[in-house]
Protein backbone atom coordinates (compact mmCIF):
# COMPACT_ATOMS: atom_id res chain seq x y z
CA MET A 1 59.93 84.55 116.24
CA ASP A 2 59.56 88.18 117.16
CA GLU A 3 62.38 90.56 118.01
CA ARG A 4 61.94 90.18 121.76
CA GLU A 5 62.24 86.40 121.48
CA ILE A 6 65.39 86.75 119.41
CA ARG A 7 66.96 89.07 121.98
CA ASP A 8 65.92 86.67 124.76
CA HIS A 9 67.59 83.84 122.82
CA PHE A 10 70.88 85.78 122.78
CA LEU A 11 70.58 86.40 126.53
CA ALA A 12 69.83 82.73 127.19
CA GLN A 13 72.86 81.77 125.12
CA ALA A 14 74.96 84.23 127.14
CA LYS A 15 73.80 82.57 130.36
CA ALA A 16 74.69 79.15 128.95
CA CYS A 17 78.13 80.39 127.89
CA ASP A 18 78.74 81.80 131.36
CA GLY A 19 77.82 78.45 132.85
CA LEU A 20 80.11 76.59 130.46
CA GLY A 21 83.10 78.83 131.20
CA SER A 22 83.04 80.92 128.03
CA PRO A 23 82.87 84.48 129.34
CA PHE A 24 83.92 86.13 126.08
CA THR A 25 81.13 84.51 124.06
CA ALA A 26 78.69 85.32 126.86
CA ASN A 27 79.77 88.96 126.71
CA LEU A 28 79.40 88.95 122.92
CA CYS A 29 75.88 87.46 123.09
CA ARG A 30 74.75 90.01 125.70
CA ALA A 31 76.16 92.84 123.62
CA LEU A 32 74.49 91.52 120.45
CA ALA A 33 71.15 91.38 122.27
CA LYS A 34 71.55 95.10 122.88
CA VAL A 35 72.93 96.35 119.57
CA LEU A 36 71.25 94.37 116.81
CA ASP A 37 68.80 96.56 114.94
CA ALA A 38 67.13 96.90 111.57
CA ASN A 39 69.68 99.46 110.33
CA THR A 40 71.91 96.72 108.88
CA ARG A 41 71.28 93.69 106.67
CA THR A 42 72.71 91.50 109.40
CA GLY A 43 70.43 93.01 112.03
CA ARG A 44 67.36 92.61 109.82
CA ALA A 45 68.25 89.00 109.02
CA VAL A 46 68.86 88.08 112.65
CA LEU A 47 65.91 89.95 114.17
CA GLY A 48 63.59 88.63 111.47
CA TRP A 49 64.82 85.04 111.77
CA PRO A 50 62.02 82.86 110.42
CA GLY A 51 62.96 79.67 112.26
CA ASP A 52 63.59 78.55 115.80
CA ALA A 53 66.58 80.60 116.97
CA ARG A 54 67.59 78.10 119.63
CA ALA A 55 67.29 75.02 117.43
CA ASP A 56 69.10 76.83 114.63
CA GLY A 57 71.92 77.96 116.93
CA LEU A 58 71.36 81.54 115.78
CA ALA A 59 73.37 83.30 118.50
CA LEU A 60 76.36 81.02 118.02
CA ARG A 61 76.13 81.41 114.24
CA VAL A 62 76.34 85.18 114.60
CA CYS A 63 79.24 84.82 117.01
CA GLY A 64 80.93 82.52 114.51
CA ALA A 65 80.44 85.02 111.70
CA LEU A 66 82.02 87.76 113.81
CA HIS A 67 84.92 85.46 114.63
CA ALA A 68 85.40 84.85 110.90
CA LEU A 69 85.75 88.62 110.41
CA VAL A 70 88.52 88.59 113.00
CA LEU A 71 90.29 85.53 111.60
CA THR A 72 90.29 86.84 108.05
CA GLY A 73 91.52 90.28 109.10
CA ALA A 74 88.36 91.92 107.78
CA SER A 75 87.83 93.87 110.99
CA GLU A 76 90.93 95.00 112.85
CA ARG A 77 88.90 97.01 115.37
CA LEU A 78 86.75 94.00 116.18
CA ALA A 79 89.89 91.91 116.66
CA LEU A 80 90.97 94.25 119.46
CA ILE A 81 88.07 93.13 121.65
CA TYR A 82 88.76 89.41 121.10
CA PRO A 83 90.91 87.28 123.38
CA PRO A 84 93.59 87.41 124.50
CA ASN A 85 92.58 91.06 124.90
CA GLN A 86 90.32 91.92 127.80
CA THR A 87 87.20 93.96 127.13
CA SER A 88 84.11 95.13 128.92
CA GLU A 89 80.56 94.67 127.71
CA SER A 90 80.28 98.42 127.19
CA GLU A 91 83.33 98.38 124.89
CA THR A 92 81.89 95.41 123.01
CA VAL A 93 78.58 97.28 122.63
CA ARG A 94 80.48 100.26 121.27
CA VAL A 95 82.50 98.28 118.70
CA LEU A 96 79.92 95.82 117.37
CA PRO A 97 77.56 98.14 115.46
CA LYS A 98 80.36 99.57 113.32
CA ALA A 99 81.87 96.14 112.69
CA ILE A 100 78.49 94.73 111.66
CA ALA A 101 77.75 97.70 109.39
CA ARG A 102 81.18 97.47 107.73
CA SER A 103 80.83 93.73 107.15
CA ASP A 104 77.47 94.31 105.48
CA GLU A 105 79.15 96.68 103.03
CA GLN A 106 81.73 94.08 101.92
């Protein structure tokens, strides 16, 4: 899959999450579609995904990995945008790149 298809997969997953009543995960998927880039190992791995992103559940896997960072206390700043806190997509877009870069360093 090319980068555009990967980003479209994240946007499609966001739409599905909205429809299923999961606005936070939808927000996260939309933000990831915007911020993922080749400057991090995570970004390169996701944007260069060799398989079928939808069949592999790529967007939800990335969301799950971010959630693990929150649950383990590895990213306090990321935790501040997670429920029960309220956050905007712009705030999520601002926080994600640093959280992803820091997690790549660990």
